[in-house]
Amino acid sequence: MDERAAPSIDVGEVLEDRKLGPFHALAFGLCLLTLFVDGLDYSAANVAAPAILRELNAGTGAMGIVFSMGFAGILAGSILFGWIGDKYGRKLGIVLAVLAYSLPALLTIFATSIDQLAIYRAAAGLGIGGVIPNIVALLTETAPKRYRVTFVMAVFIGYSLGNAAISQAAATLIPEFGWSSVFLVAGIAGVLLSVVLVFALPESIPFLAATNPASPRLRVLVGRAAPELNIGPDTRFTYRRPKRETQFSLMLLFDDFRRIATPIIWLAFLAESLTYMTLSAWVVVLLEKTGLAPAEASLAYSLGQLGAIAAILVVARLFDWFGPIASTLSAVVAVAAITAIGLPGLSSPAIIAIAVVAVASASAVHQSLNGMVGGFYPTIIRGNGVGYATGMGRVGAILGPLVVGYLLTNLPAQTVLVFIAAPDLVVALCCLGLARYAAAQWQIAKPARSVHS
């Protein structure tokens, strides 16, 4: 049969204009579960930090080395697994990243020194950093256009739930079994998850259409995503994209409107990580320094992660309506709340309440950046685009914990909290810049009620 006469389906149009259905629910649910386990592993070191310092008889600043080594691994993983996702597929990138953080987590239980712990956290960081660019790419390419930012942001509820769950696990397990127990929980959960993902996680349809349109998997996936379509044996699948974007080149990240957008995004990620990543790493220690008991500090962190779920959902919907302005508002709230944690004379309930707002609002800023970044880059370079942006964030995450570890040995907690909060002001300005620029050339999905949806 003449190929030109064969029926053709543009998978981009099919996916962008669809209502949410079972296929979306499966992809979303498995990505949410992946980020839940990612949150378990990421926060294991954070919630175990006070117990680690006590058991290993180390100074407070020693954990700064552990945190920074972990973020160095995350930086490398963001770029490495972003490349893997663009080259070999989002699914493979996710599965390998999950194993990359789960196996080192299991090895961490054998650590007997800060140096060993730092090495294991650097190894785990590869996987922790590698999961996010592939999940952002997969969901950006799967979600209907009018739900795209909300879809990507909402999945990070799993991350917050994982952070909250490991905090509760720490409060229960560490007094009885020691700090290594939380890493054992995270590692086992990750290994089991990787098996589930191999069999159940769908590949990105646009990725397959762009890289291997004759793939039998593509035919099956399109049939699952759009069961009402009449797909015959001779049906061809297409995905419109610029012809020059056939393989990754770093210059593509700065092509056309991205020559302005990419530097702003990178600066936003860099500054935001100096606040959020540093806060999440040190908040339990800082809360204890403000006078909270260890159990109260763990409770505040856990409640903050639960509060982040509500904050993420609110900011996600506001983002769909108003764009990056929503991130600006959340960043301003985060700055005020983080600074207020260290105010003198506060009662324990007041400190806990303020810490909940601080963690929740800072988390919403973090996930809003993750939610929007994928929309700036086309399918063929999306994993790399997200990977480099989040990688820039990890640069700040490497520096932040080290600096705070030093500051905590020389300055009161209240002053240190001001240093942690300040970079989110830069984030607020960056998001204002992106909002102004978006008026002319924004490539993210438009608000649901926009005539452009």
Protein backbone atom coordinates (compact mmCIF):
# COMPACT_ATOMS: atom_id res chain seq x y z
CA MET A 1 0.00 0.00 0.00
CA ASP A 2 1.19 3.53 -0.82
CA GLU A 3 2.50 5.01 2.46
CA ARG A 4 1.18 8.42 1.46
CA ALA A 5 -2.35 7.00 1.27
CA ALA A 6 -2.14 5.25 4.67
CA PRO A 7 -4.18 6.83 7.46
CA SER A 8 -2.11 9.05 9.72
CA ILE A 9 -2.56 10.08 13.36
CA ASP A 10 -0.79 13.06 14.90
CA VAL A 11 -0.23 11.87 18.48
CA GLY A 12 0.42 15.42 19.67
CA GLU A 13 -3.08 16.52 18.69
CA VAL A 14 -4.61 13.38 20.15
CA LEU A 15 -2.98 13.87 23.56
CA GLU A 16 -3.29 17.64 23.85
CA ASP A 17 -7.04 17.79 23.27
CA ARG A 18 -8.14 14.77 25.30
CA LYS A 19 -10.07 14.63 28.54
CA LEU A 20 -8.39 12.98 31.51
CA GLY A 21 -8.83 9.22 31.47
CA PRO A 22 -7.45 5.88 32.71
CA PHE A 23 -4.23 6.21 30.72
CA HIS A 24 -3.48 9.57 32.35
CA ALA A 25 -4.40 8.15 35.76
CA LEU A 26 -1.96 5.25 35.36
CA ALA A 27 0.95 7.45 34.30
CA PHE A 28 0.18 10.00 37.00
CA GLY A 29 -0.28 7.40 39.74
CA LEU A 30 2.97 5.58 39.02
CA CYS A 31 4.91 8.83 38.78
CA LEU A 32 3.36 9.96 42.07
CA LEU A 33 4.40 6.66 43.67
CA THR A 34 7.92 7.09 42.26
CA LEU A 35 8.21 10.56 43.76
CA PHE A 36 6.83 9.25 47.06
CA VAL A 37 9.72 6.79 47.29
CA ASP A 38 12.09 9.49 46.03
CA GLY A 39 10.90 11.64 48.95
CA LEU A 40 11.55 8.77 51.38
CA ASP A 41 15.15 8.52 50.26
CA TYR A 42 15.79 12.25 49.91
CA SER A 43 14.56 13.12 53.40
CA ALA A 44 16.03 10.08 55.14
CA ALA A 45 19.27 11.97 55.79
CA ASN A 46 17.42 15.13 56.81
CA VAL A 47 15.27 13.53 59.50
CA ALA A 48 18.08 11.26 60.70
CA ALA A 49 20.61 14.11 60.93
CA PRO A 50 20.31 14.84 64.69
CA ALA A 51 20.57 11.11 65.53
CA ILE A 52 23.52 10.67 63.17
CA LEU A 53 25.40 13.57 64.75
CA ARG A 54 24.79 12.14 68.22
CA GLU A 55 25.71 8.55 67.38
CA LEU A 56 28.81 9.41 65.35
CA ASN A 57 29.81 12.12 67.85
CA ALA A 58 30.22 14.66 65.03
CA GLY A 59 29.93 18.43 65.04
CA THR A 60 26.91 20.14 63.49
CA GLY A 61 28.88 21.30 60.47
CA ALA A 62 29.73 17.71 59.54
CA MET A 63 26.24 17.11 58.18
CA GLY A 64 26.79 20.00 55.80
CA ILE A 65 29.36 17.84 54.03
CA VAL A 66 26.89 14.94 53.83
CA PHE A 67 24.11 17.15 52.46
CA SER A 68 26.39 18.80 49.92
CA MET A 69 27.78 15.50 48.68
CA GLY A 70 24.23 14.29 48.22
CA PHE A 71 23.36 17.39 46.21
CA ALA A 72 26.53 16.97 44.13
CA GLY A 73 25.25 13.54 43.20
CA ILE A 74 21.83 15.02 42.42
CA LEU A 75 23.45 17.58 40.12
CA ALA A 76 25.27 14.88 38.18
CA GLY A 77 22.18 12.67 38.13
CA SER A 78 19.96 15.44 36.77
CA ILE A 79 22.19 15.83 33.73
CA LEU A 80 23.10 12.16 33.26
CA PHE A 81 19.60 10.75 33.51
CA GLY A 82 18.14 13.67 31.58
CA TRP A 83 20.41 12.59 28.72
CA ILE A 84 19.40 8.94 29.19
CA GLY A 85 15.73 9.91 29.04
CA ASP A 86 16.16 11.88 25.81
CA LYS A 87 18.31 9.15 24.25
CA TYR A 88 16.65 5.92 25.36
CA GLY A 89 13.26 6.89 26.77
CA ARG A 90 11.61 8.35 29.85
CA LYS A 91 10.68 4.94 31.25
CA LEU A 92 14.21 3.56 31.20
CA GLY A 93 15.50 6.79 32.71
CA ILE A 94 13.02 6.53 35.59
CA VAL A 95 13.61 2.84 36.31
CA LEU A 96 17.41 3.20 36.31
CA ALA A 97 17.20 6.33 38.49
CA VAL A 98 15.05 4.55 41.07
CA LEU A 99 17.58 1.73 41.31
CA ALA A 100 20.41 4.27 41.44
CA TYR A 101 19.09 5.78 44.67
CA SER A 102 17.67 2.60 46.22
CA LEU A 103 20.79 0.45 46.20
CA PRO A 104 23.04 3.10 47.84
CA ALA A 105 20.32 3.66 50.45
CA LEU A 106 20.59 -0.01 51.40
CA LEU A 107 24.37 0.27 51.60
CA THR A 108 24.06 3.34 53.85
CA ILE A 109 23.02 1.15 56.78
CA PHE A 110 26.64 -0.06 56.94
CA ALA A 111 28.14 3.45 57.23
CA THR A 112 30.23 3.97 60.36
CA SER A 113 31.60 7.45 59.69
CA ILE A 114 30.58 10.80 58.22
CA ASP A 115 32.91 10.20 55.26
CA GLN A 116 31.27 6.88 54.40
CA LEU A 117 27.84 8.40 54.81
CA ALA A 118 28.76 11.25 52.46
CA ILE A 119 29.92 8.79 49.77
CA TYR A 120 26.70 6.77 49.96
CA ARG A 121 24.58 9.93 49.81
CA ALA A 122 26.48 11.15 46.75
CA ALA A 123 25.76 7.82 45.04
CA ALA A 124 22.08 7.95 46.02
CA GLY A 125 21.92 11.53 44.78
CA LEU A 126 22.53 10.33 41.22
CA GLY A 127 19.18 8.56 41.23
CA ILE A 128 17.33 11.19 43.24
CA GLY A 129 18.37 13.83 40.71
CA GLY A 130 17.70 11.56 37.74
CA VAL A 131 14.08 10.78 38.52
CA ILE A 132 12.74 14.33 38.29
CA PRO A 133 13.71 15.35 34.70
CA ASN A 134 12.26 12.13 33.33
CA ILE A 135 9.03 12.36 35.30
CA VAL A 136 8.58 16.01 34.32
CA ALA A 137 9.22 15.12 30.67
CA LEU A 138 6.90 12.10 30.74
CA LEU A 139 3.99 13.94 32.33
CA THR A 140 4.46 17.09 30.25
CA GLU A 141 4.17 14.89 27.16
CA THR A 142 1.22 12.90 28.51
CA ALA A 143 -1.06 15.52 30.09
CA PRO A 144 -3.73 17.39 28.10
CA LYS A 145 -2.55 20.91 27.30
CA ARG A 146 -5.03 22.71 29.54
CA TYR A 147 -3.94 20.65 32.59
CA ARG A 148 -0.22 20.43 31.87
CA VAL A 149 1.24 22.60 34.66
CA THR A 150 -1.28 21.37 37.23
CA PHE A 151 -0.61 17.76 36.19
CA VAL A 152 3.14 18.09 36.65
CA MET A 153 2.93 20.09 39.87
CA ALA A 154 0.28 17.85 41.43
CA VAL A 155 2.43 14.74 41.02
CA PHE A 156 4.95 16.26 43.43
CA ILE A 157 2.38 15.67 46.15
CA GLY A 158 3.97 12.22 46.16
CA TYR A 159 7.31 13.79 47.01
CA SER A 160 5.80 15.71 49.92
CA LEU A 161 4.01 12.60 51.14
CA GLY A 162 7.29 10.69 51.03
CA ASN A 163 9.02 13.41 53.02
CA ALA A 164 6.22 13.37 55.59
CA ALA A 165 6.13 9.58 55.79
CA ILE A 166 9.86 9.16 56.39
CA SER A 167 9.66 11.83 59.09
CA GLN A 168 6.98 9.85 60.89
CA ALA A 169 8.95 6.66 60.35
CA ALA A 170 12.00 8.33 61.87
CA ALA A 171 10.06 9.36 64.97
CA THR A 172 8.97 5.74 65.42
CA LEU A 173 11.97 3.73 64.23
CA ILE A 174 15.05 5.72 65.21
CA PRO A 175 14.51 5.56 69.01
CA GLU A 176 14.10 1.78 68.73
CA PHE A 177 16.36 0.71 65.85
CA GLY A 178 18.73 3.63 65.23
CA TRP A 179 19.18 6.08 62.37
CA SER A 180 20.03 3.45 59.76
CA SER A 181 16.47 2.10 59.87
CA VAL A 182 15.09 4.96 57.77
CA PHE A 183 17.56 4.24 54.96
CA LEU A 184 16.59 0.56 55.05
CA VAL A 185 12.92 1.49 54.60
CA ALA A 186 13.71 3.81 51.67
CA GLY A 187 16.00 1.30 49.96
CA ILE A 188 13.60 -1.65 50.13
CA ALA A 189 10.72 0.50 48.91
CA GLY A 190 12.78 1.65 45.92
CA VAL A 191 13.84 -1.84 44.83
CA LEU A 192 10.24 -3.06 44.96
CA LEU A 193 9.06 0.02 43.06
CA SER A 194 11.55 -0.52 40.24
CA VAL A 195 10.02 -3.95 39.56
CA VAL A 196 6.53 -2.44 39.37
CA LEU A 197 7.69 0.29 37.00
CA VAL A 198 9.31 -2.16 34.59
CA PHE A 199 5.96 -3.87 33.99
CA ALA A 200 3.44 -1.04 34.47
CA LEU A 201 4.89 2.38 33.59
CA PRO A 202 3.97 3.53 30.06
CA GLU A 203 6.55 5.19 27.84
CA SER A 204 6.00 8.72 26.55
CA ILE A 205 3.91 8.53 23.37
CA PRO A 206 5.38 11.73 21.85
CA PHE A 207 8.90 10.46 22.59
CA LEU A 208 8.24 7.20 20.74
CA ALA A 209 6.53 9.01 17.87
CA ALA A 210 9.47 11.40 17.54
CA THR A 211 12.23 8.78 17.80
CA ASN A 212 10.71 5.48 16.61
CA PRO A 213 7.33 5.97 14.90
CA ALA A 214 7.26 2.35 13.68
CA SER A 215 7.58 0.95 17.20
CA PRO A 216 4.93 -1.70 18.05
CA ARG A 217 4.85 -0.21 21.56
CA LEU A 218 3.64 3.09 20.10
CA ARG A 219 0.65 1.43 18.46
CA VAL A 220 -0.31 -0.25 21.72
CA LEU A 221 0.10 2.92 23.80
CA VAL A 222 -1.91 5.08 21.42
CA GLY A 223 -4.68 2.48 21.53
CA ARG A 224 -4.69 2.61 25.32
CA ALA A 225 -4.61 6.41 25.44
CA ALA A 226 -7.32 6.84 22.80
CA PRO A 227 -9.34 3.62 22.60
CA GLU A 228 -12.01 5.23 20.39
CA LEU A 229 -9.55 5.70 17.50
CA ASN A 230 -9.73 3.31 14.58
CA ILE A 231 -6.13 2.13 14.41
CA GLY A 232 -5.51 -0.23 11.53
CA PRO A 233 -2.41 -2.26 10.68
CA ASP A 234 -1.36 0.37 8.14
CA THR A 235 -1.96 3.42 10.37
CA ARG A 236 1.04 5.73 10.61
CA PHE A 237 1.83 7.88 13.64
CA THR A 238 3.37 11.33 13.42
CA TYR A 239 4.46 14.02 15.84
CA ARG A 240 5.02 17.52 14.54
CA ARG A 241 8.24 19.22 15.58
CA PRO A 242 10.86 21.43 13.96
CA LYS A 243 13.02 19.37 11.60
CA ARG A 244 16.27 20.76 13.00
CA GLU A 245 15.44 19.47 16.48
CA THR A 246 16.40 15.88 15.76
CA GLN A 247 19.05 15.45 18.46
CA PHE A 248 20.21 17.25 21.54
CA SER A 249 22.54 20.21 21.31
CA LEU A 250 23.26 22.55 24.19
CA MET A 251 22.63 25.50 21.90
CA LEU A 252 19.02 24.39 21.44
CA LEU A 253 18.44 25.34 25.08
CA PHE A 254 19.16 28.93 24.00
CA ASP A 255 17.43 28.84 20.63
CA ASP A 256 14.79 31.43 19.69
CA PHE A 257 12.85 32.71 22.73
CA ARG A 258 14.86 30.39 24.99
CA ARG A 259 17.90 32.66 24.71
CA ILE A 260 16.11 34.81 27.32
CA ALA A 261 13.95 32.21 29.05
CA THR A 262 16.68 29.66 29.78
CA PRO A 263 19.03 32.02 31.69
CA ILE A 264 16.09 33.29 33.77
CA ILE A 265 14.96 29.74 34.51
CA TRP A 266 18.49 28.71 35.49
CA LEU A 267 18.85 31.68 37.83
CA ALA A 268 15.46 30.91 39.38
CA PHE A 269 16.43 27.27 39.99
CA LEU A 270 19.81 28.27 41.40
CA ALA A 271 18.34 30.80 43.85
CA GLU A 272 15.36 28.67 44.78
CA SER A 273 17.53 25.71 45.71
CA LEU A 274 19.59 27.92 48.02
CA THR A 275 16.39 28.39 49.99
CA TYR A 276 14.34 25.21 49.62
CA MET A 277 17.05 22.56 49.50
CA THR A 278 19.00 24.18 52.32
CA LEU A 279 15.88 24.61 54.43
CA SER A 280 14.75 21.02 53.90
CA ALA A 281 18.23 19.74 54.77
CA TRP A 282 18.68 21.75 57.96
CA VAL A 283 15.16 22.50 59.20
CA VAL A 284 15.00 19.69 61.79
CA VAL A 285 18.35 20.74 63.27
CA LEU A 286 17.35 24.42 63.17
CA LEU A 287 14.05 23.73 64.88
CA GLU A 288 15.83 21.91 67.68
CA LYS A 289 18.12 24.92 68.05
CA THR A 290 15.07 27.19 68.45
CA GLY A 291 14.03 25.11 71.46
CA LEU A 292 11.85 22.34 70.08
CA ALA A 293 12.27 18.81 71.36
CA PRO A 294 13.45 16.23 68.76
CA ALA A 295 9.95 14.75 68.47
CA GLU A 296 8.44 18.23 68.01
CA ALA A 297 10.97 19.11 65.32
CA SER A 298 10.19 15.89 63.41
CA LEU A 299 6.46 16.59 63.80
CA ALA A 300 6.87 20.12 62.40
CA TYR A 301 8.77 18.80 59.39
CA SER A 302 6.15 16.13 58.75
CA LEU A 303 3.26 18.59 59.06
CA GLY A 304 5.10 21.00 56.78
CA GLN A 305 5.29 18.33 54.09
CA LEU A 306 1.59 17.60 54.48
CA GLY A 307 0.88 21.32 54.29
CA ALA A 308 2.95 21.37 51.11
CA ILE A 309 0.33 19.17 49.45
CA ALA A 310 -2.32 21.86 49.87
CA ALA A 311 0.10 24.61 48.91
CA ILE A 312 1.19 22.79 45.74
CA LEU A 313 -2.41 22.23 44.62
CA VAL A 314 -3.36 25.86 45.25
CA VAL A 315 -0.30 27.27 43.48
CA ALA A 316 -0.77 24.79 40.60
CA ARG A 317 -4.27 26.04 39.86
CA LEU A 318 -3.20 29.66 40.29
CA PHE A 319 -0.32 28.96 37.91
CA ASP A 320 -2.72 27.67 35.25
CA TRP A 321 -4.68 30.92 35.52
CA PHE A 322 -1.98 33.52 36.15
CA GLY A 323 1.33 31.90 35.18
CA PRO A 324 4.57 32.52 37.13
CA ILE A 325 2.95 35.26 39.24
CA ALA A 326 1.66 32.41 41.42
CA SER A 327 5.24 31.36 42.16
CA THR A 328 6.13 34.95 43.06
CA LEU A 329 3.39 35.08 45.70
CA SER A 330 4.43 31.76 47.20
CA ALA A 331 8.09 32.86 47.30
CA VAL A 332 7.21 36.01 49.23
CA VAL A 333 5.23 33.99 51.78
CA ALA A 334 8.16 31.58 52.13
CA VAL A 335 10.63 34.41 52.83
CA ALA A 336 8.39 35.86 55.54
CA ALA A 337 7.71 32.52 57.23
CA ILE A 338 11.31 31.25 57.18
CA THR A 339 12.53 34.49 58.70
CA ALA A 340 9.82 34.38 61.38
CA ILE A 341 10.80 30.92 62.65
CA GLY A 342 13.70 32.37 64.60
CA LEU A 343 11.85 35.26 66.23
CA PRO A 344 12.55 35.33 69.99
CA GLY A 345 9.85 34.57 72.52
CA LEU A 346 7.75 32.24 70.39
CA SER A 347 6.04 29.26 72.02
CA SER A 348 6.60 25.75 70.71
CA PRO A 349 3.16 25.59 69.01
CA ALA A 350 3.86 28.95 67.32
CA ILE A 351 7.26 27.77 66.03
CA ILE A 352 5.68 24.58 64.70
CA ALA A 353 2.89 26.51 62.95
CA ILE A 354 5.29 28.96 61.33
CA ALA A 355 7.62 26.14 60.29
CA VAL A 356 4.69 24.37 58.62
CA VAL A 357 3.93 27.50 56.55
CA ALA A 358 7.61 27.95 55.72
CA VAL A 359 8.14 24.39 54.51
CA ALA A 360 4.81 24.29 52.65
CA SER A 361 5.25 27.58 50.80
CA ALA A 362 8.91 26.93 49.96
CA SER A 363 7.94 23.50 48.63
CA ALA A 364 5.20 25.04 46.47
CA VAL A 365 7.77 27.40 44.92
CA HIS A 366 10.11 24.50 44.25
CA GLN A 367 7.46 22.35 42.59
CA SER A 368 6.04 25.24 40.56
CA LEU A 369 9.44 25.63 38.90
CA ASN A 370 9.50 21.89 38.22
CA GLY A 371 5.98 22.14 36.86
CA MET A 372 6.64 24.91 34.37
CA VAL A 373 10.14 24.15 33.09
CA GLY A 374 9.25 21.23 30.81
CA GLY A 375 6.90 23.40 28.76
CA PHE A 376 9.75 25.61 27.59
CA TYR A 377 11.47 22.80 25.66
CA PRO A 378 10.39 20.53 22.78
CA THR A 379 10.11 16.76 23.21
CA ILE A 380 13.45 15.81 21.70
CA ILE A 381 15.41 17.97 24.20
CA ARG A 382 12.94 18.14 27.07
CA GLY A 383 14.77 15.72 29.36
CA ASN A 384 18.00 17.62 28.87
CA GLY A 385 16.24 20.97 29.27
CA VAL A 386 14.74 19.93 32.58
CA GLY A 387 17.95 18.18 33.61
CA TYR A 388 20.15 21.23 33.06
CA ALA A 389 17.65 23.53 34.82
CA THR A 390 17.35 21.28 37.86
CA GLY A 391 21.10 20.74 37.67
CA MET A 392 21.62 24.47 38.11
CA GLY A 393 19.43 24.18 41.17
CA ARG A 394 21.70 21.49 42.54
CA VAL A 395 24.66 23.84 42.32
CA GLY A 396 22.91 26.03 44.86
CA ALA A 397 21.96 22.97 46.85
CA ILE A 398 25.62 21.93 47.09
CA LEU A 399 26.71 25.34 48.34
CA GLY A 400 23.78 26.13 50.62
CA PRO A 401 24.12 23.31 53.17
CA LEU A 402 27.88 23.82 53.40
CA VAL A 403 27.52 27.53 54.07
CA VAL A 404 24.75 26.99 56.61
CA GLY A 405 26.79 24.31 58.37
CA TYR A 406 29.55 26.87 58.80
CA LEU A 407 27.19 29.67 59.81
CA LEU A 408 25.52 27.54 62.47
CA THR A 409 28.85 27.21 64.26
CA ASN A 410 29.30 30.99 64.35
CA LEU A 411 25.88 32.65 64.27
CA PRO A 412 22.53 32.27 66.06
CA ALA A 413 19.79 30.30 64.33
CA GLN A 414 17.69 33.44 63.74
CA THR A 415 20.42 35.04 61.62
CA VAL A 416 21.02 31.82 59.70
CA LEU A 417 17.31 31.60 58.84
CA VAL A 418 17.50 35.06 57.25
CA PHE A 419 20.36 33.85 55.03
CA ILE A 420 18.29 30.82 54.02
CA ALA A 421 15.19 32.88 53.20
CA ALA A 422 16.81 35.67 51.16
CA PRO A 423 17.41 33.82 47.85
CA ASP A 424 13.67 33.27 47.41
CA LEU A 425 13.40 37.02 46.80
CA VAL A 426 15.49 36.47 43.68
CA VAL A 427 13.12 33.69 42.68
CA ALA A 428 10.18 36.07 43.04
CA LEU A 429 11.87 38.55 40.69
CA CYS A 430 12.74 35.83 38.17
CA CYS A 431 9.13 34.65 38.08
CA LEU A 432 7.98 38.21 37.53
CA GLY A 433 10.37 38.38 34.60
CA LEU A 434 9.08 35.11 33.18
CA ALA A 435 5.50 36.31 33.56
CA ARG A 436 6.24 39.49 31.60
CA TYR A 437 8.11 37.60 28.92
CA ALA A 438 5.35 34.98 28.73
CA ALA A 439 2.89 37.57 27.47
CA ALA A 440 4.58 37.46 24.06
CA GLN A 441 6.27 34.08 23.63
CA TRP A 442 5.30 31.72 26.43
CA GLN A 443 5.50 28.07 25.42
CA ILE A 444 3.82 26.63 28.51
CA ALA A 445 0.20 25.49 28.35
CA LYS A 446 -2.15 28.46 28.53
CA PRO A 447 -4.76 28.88 31.30
CA ALA A 448 -7.77 26.62 31.02
CA ARG A 449 -10.18 29.38 30.06
CA SER A 450 -7.81 31.01 27.56
CA VAL A 451 -8.92 31.18 23.95
CA HIS A 452 -5.58 29.58 23.10
CA SER A 453 -6.28 26.35 25.01
